[in-house]
Amino acid sequence: MRPEDRRAMIVRSVLPLVLEHGAAVTTNQIARAAGIGEGTIFRAFKDKDELLDACVAEAIKPDDALAAIAEIPLDQPLSERLVEAADTLAAHLQRMGSVMSAMHASGRAHRNPEDRAKRKSQGRGGRRDTMTAMRAAMADLFEPEQDKLRLPAEQVSSLFLSLLFGGARVDDESAPTTRQIVDVFLNGAVAPELETA
């Protein structure tokens, strides 16, 4: 197995443990979850901190969510496409938030600014790049209806993501469902018979 494949396999195996234990996960637990010896961990990563950084980077990376959005059939109704994409993005954000919360709860705060700058210079974890990729993926879902849209698909995509992510989603009965958000976005907040001339 190539070193980068081994690293990726270890990270995939360790992420559920990070969600459960945060930074308190032991190398013994890591080795058992990955089906490897503890020594293999340190041949793949210089130390546990580097492995935990790789787990956080994997949780933040939107690649799986973007791939799932790209597979949404464009022959579905637009509302169905948007609900599926919004649920996919919400699941990604939930996973990302859970990993960060577990790390913080176990006493491992965010890395220092130099580490963040280093990751950004290496092309990983850039919020702007992530948002650009999400907007492009969403714009592809709007593209078949471009002739019906009031704005270009890229702008509609930005507006949709702003509505979707703009407010904190609270888990109570008054929080709108994804379907309700999509419906208001596509059809407006005022029912047609209530509109005034």
N, C-alpha and C. Protein backbone atom coordinates (compact mmCIF):
# COMPACT_ATOMS: atom_id res chain seq x y z
N MET A 1 0.85 -1.18 0.00
CA MET A 1 0.00 0.00 0.00
C MET A 1 0.90 1.24 0.00
N ARG A 2 0.55 2.20 -0.86
CA ARG A 2 1.31 3.45 -0.92
C ARG A 2 1.15 4.22 0.38
N PRO A 3 2.18 4.98 0.79
CA PRO A 3 2.09 5.72 2.06
C PRO A 3 0.87 6.63 2.16
N GLU A 4 0.52 7.34 1.06
CA GLU A 4 -0.65 8.24 1.13
C GLU A 4 -1.95 7.46 1.26
N ASP A 5 -2.00 6.26 0.66
CA ASP A 5 -3.19 5.41 0.81
C ASP A 5 -3.30 4.89 2.24
N ARG A 6 -2.16 4.52 2.83
CA ARG A 6 -2.16 4.04 4.21
C ARG A 6 -2.62 5.17 5.15
N ARG A 7 -2.10 6.37 4.92
CA ARG A 7 -2.52 7.52 5.75
C ARG A 7 -4.03 7.74 5.64
N ALA A 8 -4.54 7.71 4.41
CA ALA A 8 -5.98 7.93 4.20
C ALA A 8 -6.79 6.84 4.89
N MET A 9 -6.35 5.58 4.81
CA MET A 9 -7.05 4.48 5.45
C MET A 9 -7.07 4.66 6.97
N ILE A 10 -5.95 5.08 7.52
CA ILE A 10 -5.90 5.29 8.97
C ILE A 10 -6.84 6.42 9.38
N VAL A 11 -6.82 7.51 8.64
CA VAL A 11 -7.70 8.65 8.96
C VAL A 11 -9.17 8.22 8.89
N ARG A 12 -9.55 7.50 7.84
CA ARG A 12 -10.96 7.04 7.74
C ARG A 12 -11.33 6.15 8.92
N SER A 13 -10.41 5.31 9.35
CA SER A 13 -10.67 4.41 10.48
C SER A 13 -10.76 5.16 11.80
N VAL A 14 -10.00 6.24 11.92
CA VAL A 14 -9.89 6.96 13.19
C VAL A 14 -11.01 7.99 13.37
N LEU A 15 -11.57 8.51 12.30
CA LEU A 15 -12.58 9.58 12.44
C LEU A 15 -13.72 9.22 13.39
N PRO A 16 -14.30 8.02 13.33
CA PRO A 16 -15.36 7.70 14.30
C PRO A 16 -14.87 7.74 15.75
N LEU A 17 -13.61 7.35 15.97
CA LEU A 17 -13.05 7.41 17.32
C LEU A 17 -12.84 8.85 17.76
N VAL A 18 -12.44 9.71 16.83
CA VAL A 18 -12.26 11.13 17.15
C VAL A 18 -13.61 11.74 17.53
N LEU A 19 -14.67 11.35 16.83
CA LEU A 19 -16.01 11.84 17.19
C LEU A 19 -16.39 11.42 18.60
N GLU A 20 -15.98 10.22 18.98
CA GLU A 20 -16.34 9.69 20.30
C GLU A 20 -15.42 10.21 21.41
N HIS A 21 -14.11 10.24 21.16
CA HIS A 21 -13.14 10.53 22.21
C HIS A 21 -12.39 11.85 22.02
N GLY A 22 -12.49 12.46 20.86
CA GLY A 22 -11.71 13.66 20.60
C GLY A 22 -10.23 13.35 20.63
N ALA A 23 -9.45 14.29 21.13
CA ALA A 23 -8.00 14.11 21.18
C ALA A 23 -7.58 13.08 22.21
N ALA A 24 -8.51 12.63 23.05
CA ALA A 24 -8.19 11.63 24.07
C ALA A 24 -8.11 10.21 23.50
N VAL A 25 -8.37 10.04 22.22
CA VAL A 25 -8.27 8.72 21.62
C VAL A 25 -6.83 8.22 21.79
N THR A 26 -6.69 6.94 22.11
CA THR A 26 -5.35 6.40 22.35
C THR A 26 -4.80 5.76 21.08
N THR A 27 -3.48 5.63 21.02
CA THR A 27 -2.87 4.97 19.86
C THR A 27 -3.28 3.50 19.80
N ASN A 28 -3.55 2.89 20.94
CA ASN A 28 -4.03 1.51 20.96
C ASN A 28 -5.39 1.43 20.28
N GLN A 29 -6.30 2.35 20.63
CA GLN A 29 -7.62 2.38 19.98
C GLN A 29 -7.49 2.63 18.48
N ILE A 30 -6.59 3.54 18.12
CA ILE A 30 -6.37 3.86 16.70
C ILE A 30 -5.91 2.63 15.95
N ALA A 31 -4.92 1.93 16.52
CA ALA A 31 -4.37 0.74 15.87
C ALA A 31 -5.43 -0.33 15.69
N ARG A 32 -6.23 -0.57 16.74
CA ARG A 32 -7.28 -1.59 16.63
C ARG A 32 -8.32 -1.21 15.59
N ALA A 33 -8.73 0.05 15.56
CA ALA A 33 -9.75 0.49 14.59
C ALA A 33 -9.24 0.36 13.16
N ALA A 34 -7.96 0.64 12.97
CA ALA A 34 -7.39 0.59 11.61
C ALA A 34 -6.89 -0.80 11.24
N GLY A 35 -6.85 -1.71 12.23
CA GLY A 35 -6.37 -3.06 11.95
C GLY A 35 -4.88 -3.11 11.67
N ILE A 36 -4.13 -2.27 12.39
CA ILE A 36 -2.68 -2.18 12.18
C ILE A 36 -1.99 -2.19 13.54
N GLY A 37 -0.68 -2.32 13.53
CA GLY A 37 0.09 -2.20 14.75
C GLY A 37 0.33 -0.74 15.07
N GLU A 38 0.58 -0.45 16.36
CA GLU A 38 0.82 0.93 16.77
C GLU A 38 2.03 1.53 16.06
N GLY A 39 3.03 0.72 15.78
CA GLY A 39 4.21 1.22 15.09
C GLY A 39 3.89 1.74 13.70
N THR A 40 2.90 1.13 13.05
CA THR A 40 2.52 1.57 11.71
C THR A 40 1.96 2.99 11.73
N ILE A 41 1.30 3.34 12.82
CA ILE A 41 0.76 4.70 12.95
C ILE A 41 1.90 5.71 12.82
N PHE A 42 3.01 5.41 13.51
CA PHE A 42 4.11 6.36 13.56
C PHE A 42 5.04 6.26 12.36
N ARG A 43 4.83 5.26 11.52
CA ARG A 43 5.51 5.27 10.22
C ARG A 43 4.71 6.11 9.23
N ALA A 44 3.40 6.20 9.45
CA ALA A 44 2.55 6.99 8.55
C ALA A 44 2.46 8.46 8.99
N PHE A 45 2.51 8.70 10.30
CA PHE A 45 2.40 10.05 10.86
C PHE A 45 3.54 10.25 11.84
N LYS A 46 4.07 11.47 11.90
CA LYS A 46 5.21 11.69 12.80
C LYS A 46 4.81 11.58 14.26
N ASP A 47 3.55 11.94 14.58
CA ASP A 47 3.06 11.81 15.94
C ASP A 47 1.53 11.84 15.92
N LYS A 48 0.94 11.68 17.09
CA LYS A 48 -0.52 11.65 17.19
C LYS A 48 -1.13 12.99 16.78
N ASP A 49 -0.45 14.10 17.08
CA ASP A 49 -0.97 15.42 16.69
C ASP A 49 -1.11 15.52 15.17
N GLU A 50 -0.14 15.01 14.44
CA GLU A 50 -0.23 15.06 12.98
C GLU A 50 -1.41 14.23 12.49
N LEU A 51 -1.64 13.09 13.12
CA LEU A 51 -2.80 12.26 12.76
C LEU A 51 -4.10 12.99 13.08
N LEU A 52 -4.18 13.61 14.23
CA LEU A 52 -5.40 14.35 14.59
C LEU A 52 -5.62 15.52 13.64
N ASP A 53 -4.55 16.20 13.25
CA ASP A 53 -4.67 17.28 12.26
C ASP A 53 -5.22 16.74 10.94
N ALA A 54 -4.76 15.55 10.54
CA ALA A 54 -5.25 14.95 9.30
C ALA A 54 -6.72 14.58 9.42
N CYS A 55 -7.15 14.16 10.60
CA CYS A 55 -8.57 13.84 10.82
C CYS A 55 -9.43 15.10 10.72
N VAL A 56 -8.97 16.18 11.33
CA VAL A 56 -9.70 17.45 11.25
C VAL A 56 -9.77 17.93 9.80
N ALA A 57 -8.64 17.84 9.09
CA ALA A 57 -8.61 18.26 7.68
C ALA A 57 -9.57 17.42 6.85
N GLU A 58 -9.67 16.14 7.13
CA GLU A 58 -10.59 15.26 6.41
C GLU A 58 -12.04 15.63 6.70
N ALA A 59 -12.33 15.94 7.97
CA ALA A 59 -13.70 16.31 8.35
C ALA A 59 -14.12 17.62 7.71
N ILE A 60 -13.18 18.54 7.54
CA ILE A 60 -13.48 19.86 6.96
C ILE A 60 -13.63 19.78 5.45
N LYS A 61 -12.91 18.87 4.84
CA LYS A 61 -12.88 18.76 3.38
C LYS A 61 -14.28 18.45 2.83
N PRO A 62 -14.78 19.24 1.88
CA PRO A 62 -16.13 19.03 1.37
C PRO A 62 -16.22 18.05 0.19
N ASP A 63 -15.13 17.37 -0.14
CA ASP A 63 -15.07 16.56 -1.36
C ASP A 63 -16.21 15.55 -1.48
N ASP A 64 -16.49 14.80 -0.40
CA ASP A 64 -17.55 13.79 -0.47
C ASP A 64 -18.91 14.45 -0.71
N ALA A 65 -19.16 15.56 -0.02
CA ALA A 65 -20.44 16.26 -0.19
C ALA A 65 -20.57 16.79 -1.62
N LEU A 66 -19.49 17.35 -2.14
CA LEU A 66 -19.54 17.89 -3.50
C LEU A 66 -19.73 16.77 -4.53
N ALA A 67 -19.11 15.63 -4.30
CA ALA A 67 -19.29 14.49 -5.20
C ALA A 67 -20.73 13.99 -5.16
N ALA A 68 -21.33 13.97 -3.98
CA ALA A 68 -22.73 13.54 -3.86
C ALA A 68 -23.66 14.52 -4.57
N ILE A 69 -23.38 15.81 -4.45
CA ILE A 69 -24.20 16.81 -5.14
C ILE A 69 -24.07 16.66 -6.65
N ALA A 70 -22.87 16.38 -7.11
CA ALA A 70 -22.64 16.21 -8.56
C ALA A 70 -23.41 15.02 -9.12
N GLU A 71 -23.75 14.06 -8.27
CA GLU A 71 -24.48 12.87 -8.72
C GLU A 71 -26.00 13.02 -8.68
N ILE A 72 -26.49 14.16 -8.19
CA ILE A 72 -27.94 14.37 -8.14
C ILE A 72 -28.45 14.48 -9.57
N PRO A 73 -29.43 13.65 -9.94
CA PRO A 73 -29.94 13.67 -11.32
C PRO A 73 -30.60 15.01 -11.66
N LEU A 74 -30.19 15.59 -12.77
CA LEU A 74 -30.72 16.89 -13.18
C LEU A 74 -32.12 16.80 -13.77
N ASP A 75 -32.62 15.58 -13.98
CA ASP A 75 -33.98 15.45 -14.49
C ASP A 75 -35.02 15.42 -13.36
N GLN A 76 -34.57 15.45 -12.12
CA GLN A 76 -35.49 15.60 -10.99
C GLN A 76 -36.03 17.02 -10.97
N PRO A 77 -37.19 17.23 -10.35
CA PRO A 77 -37.66 18.61 -10.17
C PRO A 77 -36.62 19.42 -9.38
N LEU A 78 -36.53 20.71 -9.68
CA LEU A 78 -35.55 21.57 -9.02
C LEU A 78 -35.68 21.51 -7.51
N SER A 79 -36.91 21.52 -7.00
CA SER A 79 -37.09 21.50 -5.54
C SER A 79 -36.47 20.24 -4.94
N GLU A 80 -36.63 19.11 -5.60
CA GLU A 80 -36.06 17.86 -5.09
C GLU A 80 -34.53 17.89 -5.13
N ARG A 81 -33.99 18.45 -6.20
CA ARG A 81 -32.53 18.59 -6.31
C ARG A 81 -31.99 19.43 -5.16
N LEU A 82 -32.67 20.54 -4.88
CA LEU A 82 -32.20 21.45 -3.84
C LEU A 82 -32.33 20.85 -2.45
N VAL A 83 -33.41 20.12 -2.19
CA VAL A 83 -33.56 19.46 -0.88
C VAL A 83 -32.44 18.45 -0.68
N GLU A 84 -32.19 17.64 -1.71
CA GLU A 84 -31.13 16.62 -1.60
C GLU A 84 -29.76 17.27 -1.38
N ALA A 85 -29.48 18.33 -2.12
CA ALA A 85 -28.19 19.02 -1.98
C ALA A 85 -28.08 19.68 -0.61
N ALA A 86 -29.15 20.33 -0.16
CA ALA A 86 -29.13 21.01 1.14
C ALA A 86 -28.93 20.01 2.27
N ASP A 87 -29.59 18.86 2.18
CA ASP A 87 -29.41 17.83 3.20
C ASP A 87 -27.98 17.28 3.18
N THR A 88 -27.41 17.15 2.00
CA THR A 88 -26.02 16.69 1.88
C THR A 88 -25.07 17.69 2.53
N LEU A 89 -25.26 18.97 2.25
CA LEU A 89 -24.40 20.00 2.84
C LEU A 89 -24.60 20.08 4.36
N ALA A 90 -25.84 19.92 4.81
CA ALA A 90 -26.10 19.94 6.26
C ALA A 90 -25.40 18.78 6.95
N ALA A 91 -25.41 17.61 6.33
CA ALA A 91 -24.73 16.45 6.91
C ALA A 91 -23.22 16.69 6.99
N HIS A 92 -22.67 17.32 5.95
CA HIS A 92 -21.24 17.65 5.96
C HIS A 92 -20.93 18.62 7.10
N LEU A 93 -21.73 19.65 7.24
CA LEU A 93 -21.49 20.63 8.30
C LEU A 93 -21.66 20.01 9.68
N GLN A 94 -22.62 19.10 9.81
CA GLN A 94 -22.84 18.41 11.09
C GLN A 94 -21.61 17.58 11.45
N ARG A 95 -21.09 16.84 10.49
CA ARG A 95 -19.90 16.01 10.73
C ARG A 95 -18.71 16.89 11.11
N MET A 96 -18.52 17.96 10.36
CA MET A 96 -17.43 18.88 10.63
C MET A 96 -17.55 19.47 12.04
N GLY A 97 -18.73 19.92 12.38
CA GLY A 97 -18.96 20.50 13.70
C GLY A 97 -18.78 19.50 14.82
N SER A 98 -19.20 18.26 14.59
CA SER A 98 -19.05 17.21 15.61
C SER A 98 -17.59 16.91 15.88
N VAL A 99 -16.79 16.82 14.82
CA VAL A 99 -15.36 16.56 15.01
C VAL A 99 -14.71 17.72 15.75
N MET A 100 -15.01 18.95 15.36
CA MET A 100 -14.40 20.11 16.02
C MET A 100 -14.84 20.18 17.48
N SER A 101 -16.11 19.90 17.75
CA SER A 101 -16.60 19.92 19.14
C SER A 101 -15.93 18.85 19.98
N ALA A 102 -15.77 17.65 19.42
CA ALA A 102 -15.12 16.56 20.15
C ALA A 102 -13.67 16.91 20.47
N MET A 103 -13.00 17.52 19.51
CA MET A 103 -11.61 17.91 19.74
C MET A 103 -11.53 18.97 20.83
N HIS A 104 -12.39 19.95 20.75
CA HIS A 104 -12.39 21.03 21.73
C HIS A 104 -12.76 20.50 23.12
N ALA A 105 -13.79 19.65 23.19
CA ALA A 105 -14.24 19.11 24.47
C ALA A 105 -13.16 18.26 25.14
N SER A 106 -12.28 17.66 24.34
CA SER A 106 -11.22 16.83 24.91
C SER A 106 -9.95 17.63 25.21
N GLY A 107 -10.05 18.95 25.12
CA GLY A 107 -8.95 19.80 25.52
C GLY A 107 -8.01 20.21 24.40
N ARG A 108 -8.35 19.89 23.18
CA ARG A 108 -7.49 20.27 22.06
C ARG A 108 -8.16 21.40 21.31
N ALA A 109 -7.76 22.61 21.62
CA ALA A 109 -8.34 23.78 20.96
C ALA A 109 -7.80 23.87 19.55
N HIS A 110 -8.33 24.80 18.80
CA HIS A 110 -7.85 25.01 17.43
C HIS A 110 -6.35 25.26 17.45
N ARG A 111 -5.70 24.83 16.40
CA ARG A 111 -4.25 25.01 16.29
C ARG A 111 -3.93 26.49 16.16
N ASN A 112 -2.70 26.82 16.36
CA ASN A 112 -2.31 28.23 16.33
C ASN A 112 -2.38 28.80 14.91
N PRO A 113 -2.37 30.13 14.77
CA PRO A 113 -2.51 30.77 13.46
C PRO A 113 -1.45 30.36 12.44
N GLU A 114 -0.23 30.04 12.92
CA GLU A 114 0.81 29.62 11.97
C GLU A 114 0.43 28.30 11.30
N ASP A 115 -0.16 27.37 12.09
CA ASP A 115 -0.60 26.09 11.51
C ASP A 115 -1.71 26.33 10.48
N ARG A 116 -2.63 27.23 10.82
CA ARG A 116 -3.72 27.52 9.90
C ARG A 116 -3.20 28.14 8.61
N ALA A 117 -2.24 29.07 8.75
CA ALA A 117 -1.65 29.71 7.56
C ALA A 117 -0.91 28.68 6.72
N LYS A 118 -0.23 27.75 7.37
CA LYS A 118 0.50 26.70 6.64
C LYS A 118 -0.49 25.83 5.85
N ARG A 119 -1.61 25.42 6.49
CA ARG A 119 -2.61 24.61 5.80
C ARG A 119 -3.17 25.36 4.61
N LYS A 120 -3.44 26.65 4.80
CA LYS A 120 -4.01 27.44 3.71
C LYS A 120 -3.03 27.57 2.55
N SER A 121 -1.75 27.76 2.87
CA SER A 121 -0.75 27.89 1.80
C SER A 121 -0.57 26.58 1.05
N GLN A 122 -0.89 25.46 1.71
CA GLN A 122 -0.79 24.16 1.05
C GLN A 122 -2.07 23.81 0.30
N GLY A 123 -3.02 24.72 0.33
CA GLY A 123 -4.25 24.52 -0.44
C GLY A 123 -5.32 23.73 0.28
N ARG A 124 -5.20 23.55 1.58
CA ARG A 124 -6.20 22.80 2.32
C ARG A 124 -6.91 23.72 3.28
N GLY A 125 -8.21 23.52 3.41
CA GLY A 125 -8.94 24.21 4.45
C GLY A 125 -9.28 25.65 4.15
N GLY A 126 -9.07 26.12 2.95
CA GLY A 126 -9.41 27.49 2.63
C GLY A 126 -10.92 27.66 2.53
N ARG A 127 -11.48 28.47 3.43
CA ARG A 127 -12.93 28.67 3.46
C ARG A 127 -13.44 29.24 2.14
N ARG A 128 -12.68 30.17 1.57
CA ARG A 128 -13.10 30.78 0.31
C ARG A 128 -13.17 29.74 -0.80
N ASP A 129 -12.15 28.87 -0.88
CA ASP A 129 -12.15 27.82 -1.90
C ASP A 129 -13.32 26.86 -1.71
N THR A 130 -13.61 26.54 -0.45
CA THR A 130 -14.72 25.64 -0.16
C THR A 130 -16.04 26.26 -0.59
N MET A 131 -16.25 27.53 -0.25
CA MET A 131 -17.50 28.19 -0.62
C MET A 131 -17.62 28.33 -2.14
N THR A 132 -16.51 28.60 -2.81
CA THR A 132 -16.52 28.69 -4.28
C THR A 132 -16.94 27.35 -4.88
N ALA A 133 -16.39 26.28 -4.36
CA ALA A 133 -16.74 24.94 -4.87
C ALA A 133 -18.20 24.61 -4.58
N MET A 134 -18.71 24.98 -3.41
CA MET A 134 -20.12 24.73 -3.08
C MET A 134 -21.04 25.53 -4.00
N ARG A 135 -20.69 26.80 -4.23
CA ARG A 135 -21.51 27.63 -5.13
C ARG A 135 -21.53 27.04 -6.53
N ALA A 136 -20.39 26.58 -7.02
CA ALA A 136 -20.33 26.00 -8.36
C ALA A 136 -21.16 24.73 -8.44
N ALA A 137 -21.08 23.89 -7.41
CA ALA A 137 -21.87 22.65 -7.40
C ALA A 137 -23.36 22.95 -7.39
N MET A 138 -23.76 23.95 -6.60
CA MET A 138 -25.17 24.33 -6.55
C MET A 138 -25.61 24.98 -7.86
N ALA A 139 -24.75 25.79 -8.46
CA ALA A 139 -25.09 26.44 -9.73
C ALA A 139 -25.38 25.39 -10.80
N ASP A 140 -24.65 24.28 -10.77
CA ASP A 140 -24.91 23.20 -11.73
C ASP A 140 -26.32 22.65 -11.58
N LEU A 141 -26.84 22.64 -10.34
CA LEU A 141 -28.21 22.16 -10.11
C LEU A 141 -29.25 23.13 -10.65
N PHE A 142 -28.93 24.43 -10.64
CA PHE A 142 -29.86 25.45 -11.15
C PHE A 142 -29.79 25.59 -12.67
N GLU A 143 -28.69 25.17 -13.25
CA GLU A 143 -28.41 25.42 -14.67
C GLU A 143 -29.53 24.98 -15.62
N PRO A 144 -30.15 23.79 -15.42
CA PRO A 144 -31.22 23.39 -16.36
C PRO A 144 -32.40 24.37 -16.40
N GLU A 145 -32.59 25.14 -15.35
CA GLU A 145 -33.68 26.12 -15.29
C GLU A 145 -33.20 27.54 -15.57
N GLN A 146 -32.02 27.70 -16.12
CA GLN A 146 -31.44 29.03 -16.30
C GLN A 146 -32.39 29.98 -17.03
N ASP A 147 -33.12 29.48 -18.03
CA ASP A 147 -34.02 30.37 -18.79
C ASP A 147 -35.21 30.85 -17.96
N LYS A 148 -35.48 30.22 -16.82
CA LYS A 148 -36.58 30.63 -15.94
C LYS A 148 -36.09 31.45 -14.75
N LEU A 149 -34.79 31.48 -14.53
CA LEU A 149 -34.24 32.18 -13.36
C LEU A 149 -34.18 33.69 -13.60
N ARG A 150 -34.38 34.44 -12.53
CA ARG A 150 -34.32 35.89 -12.62
C ARG A 150 -32.89 36.41 -12.62
N LEU A 151 -31.96 35.57 -12.18
CA LEU A 151 -30.53 35.92 -12.11
C LEU A 151 -29.73 34.76 -12.68
N PRO A 152 -28.46 34.96 -13.00
CA PRO A 152 -27.63 33.84 -13.45
C PRO A 152 -27.55 32.75 -12.37
N ALA A 153 -27.36 31.52 -12.79
CA ALA A 153 -27.33 30.38 -11.88
C ALA A 153 -26.32 30.57 -10.75
N GLU A 154 -25.17 31.17 -11.05
CA GLU A 154 -24.15 31.38 -10.02
C GLU A 154 -24.66 32.31 -8.91
N GLN A 155 -25.38 33.36 -9.29
CA GLN A 155 -25.91 34.28 -8.29
C GLN A 155 -27.05 33.64 -7.50
N VAL A 156 -27.90 32.89 -8.18
CA VAL A 156 -28.99 32.20 -7.49
C VAL A 156 -28.41 31.21 -6.49
N SER A 157 -27.35 30.53 -6.90
CA SER A 157 -26.67 29.59 -6.02
C SER A 157 -26.15 30.29 -4.77
N SER A 158 -25.53 31.45 -4.93
CA SER A 158 -25.03 32.22 -3.78
C SER A 158 -26.16 32.62 -2.85
N LEU A 159 -27.27 33.07 -3.42
CA LEU A 159 -28.42 33.46 -2.61
C LEU A 159 -28.98 32.26 -1.83
N PHE A 160 -29.08 31.13 -2.50
CA PHE A 160 -29.60 29.93 -1.85
C PHE A 160 -28.70 29.52 -0.68
N LEU A 161 -27.40 29.50 -0.91
CA LEU A 161 -26.48 29.12 0.16
C LEU A 161 -26.53 30.13 1.31
N SER A 162 -26.71 31.40 1.00
CA SER A 162 -26.84 32.42 2.05
C SER A 162 -28.05 32.15 2.92
N LEU A 163 -29.16 31.82 2.28
CA LEU A 163 -30.38 31.50 3.04
C LEU A 163 -30.18 30.23 3.85
N LEU A 164 -29.59 29.24 3.23
CA LEU A 164 -29.40 27.95 3.88
C LEU A 164 -28.48 28.05 5.09
N PHE A 165 -27.36 28.78 4.95
CA PHE A 165 -26.37 28.85 6.01
C PHE A 165 -26.44 30.13 6.83
N GLY A 166 -27.28 31.07 6.41
CA GLY A 166 -27.28 32.39 7.04
C GLY A 166 -27.67 32.42 8.49
N GLY A 167 -28.59 31.59 8.88
CA GLY A 167 -29.02 31.59 10.27
C GLY A 167 -28.66 30.28 10.93
N ALA A 168 -28.50 30.34 12.23
CA ALA A 168 -28.20 29.11 12.97
C ALA A 168 -29.45 28.23 12.95
N ARG A 169 -29.27 26.98 12.56
CA ARG A 169 -30.38 26.03 12.55
C ARG A 169 -30.53 25.47 13.96
N VAL A 170 -31.65 25.77 14.57
CA VAL A 170 -31.90 25.27 15.93
C VAL A 170 -32.76 24.04 15.85
N ASP A 171 -32.53 23.13 16.77
CA ASP A 171 -33.30 21.89 16.78
C ASP A 171 -34.51 22.04 17.70
N ASP A 172 -35.53 22.70 17.20
CA ASP A 172 -36.80 22.75 17.91
C ASP A 172 -37.92 22.75 16.88
N GLU A 173 -39.14 22.68 17.37
CA GLU A 173 -40.28 22.55 16.44
C GLU A 173 -40.52 23.78 15.58
N SER A 174 -39.97 24.93 15.95
CA SER A 174 -40.17 26.14 15.13
C SER A 174 -39.14 26.27 14.01
N ALA A 175 -38.10 25.45 14.02
CA ALA A 175 -37.07 25.55 12.98
C ALA A 175 -37.64 25.04 11.66
N PRO A 176 -37.40 25.77 10.58
CA PRO A 176 -37.91 25.30 9.28
C PRO A 176 -37.18 24.04 8.82
N THR A 177 -37.90 23.19 8.14
CA THR A 177 -37.29 22.00 7.55
C THR A 177 -36.55 22.42 6.28
N THR A 178 -35.72 21.54 5.79
CA THR A 178 -35.02 21.82 4.54
C THR A 178 -36.04 22.06 3.43
N ARG A 179 -37.09 21.25 3.38
CA ARG A 179 -38.11 21.40 2.34
C ARG A 179 -38.80 22.76 2.44
N GLN A 180 -39.05 23.24 3.65
CA GLN A 180 -39.67 24.56 3.82
C GLN A 180 -38.72 25.67 3.35
N ILE A 181 -37.44 25.54 3.65
CA ILE A 181 -36.47 26.53 3.19
C ILE A 181 -36.45 26.57 1.66
N VAL A 182 -36.41 25.40 1.04
CA VAL A 182 -36.40 25.33 -0.43
C VAL A 182 -37.68 25.94 -0.99
N ASP A 183 -38.83 25.62 -0.39
CA ASP A 183 -40.11 26.13 -0.88
C ASP A 183 -40.16 27.66 -0.80
N VAL A 184 -39.73 28.23 0.32
CA VAL A 184 -39.74 29.69 0.46
C VAL A 184 -38.75 30.31 -0.52
N PHE A 185 -37.60 29.67 -0.71
CA PHE A 185 -36.62 30.20 -1.65
C PHE A 185 -37.19 30.22 -3.07
N LEU A 186 -37.82 29.14 -3.48
CA LEU A 186 -38.32 29.05 -4.86
C LEU A 186 -39.62 29.81 -5.08
N ASN A 187 -40.48 29.88 -4.03
CA ASN A 187 -41.82 30.42 -4.23
C ASN A 187 -42.11 31.69 -3.44
N GLY A 188 -41.18 32.11 -2.57
CA GLY A 188 -41.39 33.32 -1.79
C GLY A 188 -42.09 33.04 -0.48
N ALA A 189 -42.08 34.02 0.40
CA ALA A 189 -42.67 33.87 1.73
C ALA A 189 -44.15 34.18 1.75
N VAL A 190 -44.64 34.91 0.72
CA VAL A 190 -46.04 35.31 0.69
C VAL A 190 -46.79 34.44 -0.32
N ALA A 191 -47.89 33.85 0.14
CA ALA A 191 -48.71 33.02 -0.76
C ALA A 191 -49.29 33.91 -1.85
N PRO A 192 -49.40 33.40 -3.10
CA PRO A 192 -49.88 34.22 -4.22
C PRO A 192 -51.19 34.94 -3.96
N GLU A 193 -52.16 34.29 -3.29
CA GLU A 193 -53.47 34.92 -3.09
C GLU A 193 -53.40 36.05 -2.05
N LEU A 194 -52.30 36.13 -1.27
CA LEU A 194 -52.15 37.18 -0.28
C LEU A 194 -51.38 38.39 -0.82
N GLU A 195 -50.78 38.24 -1.99
CA GLU A 195 -50.01 39.34 -2.56
C GLU A 195 -50.94 40.47 -2.96
N THR A 196 -50.49 41.70 -2.76
CA THR A 196 -51.29 42.85 -3.17
C THR A 196 -50.68 43.43 -4.44
N ALA A 197 -51.52 44.07 -5.20
CA ALA A 197 -51.06 44.66 -6.48
C ALA A 197 -50.25 45.89 -6.26
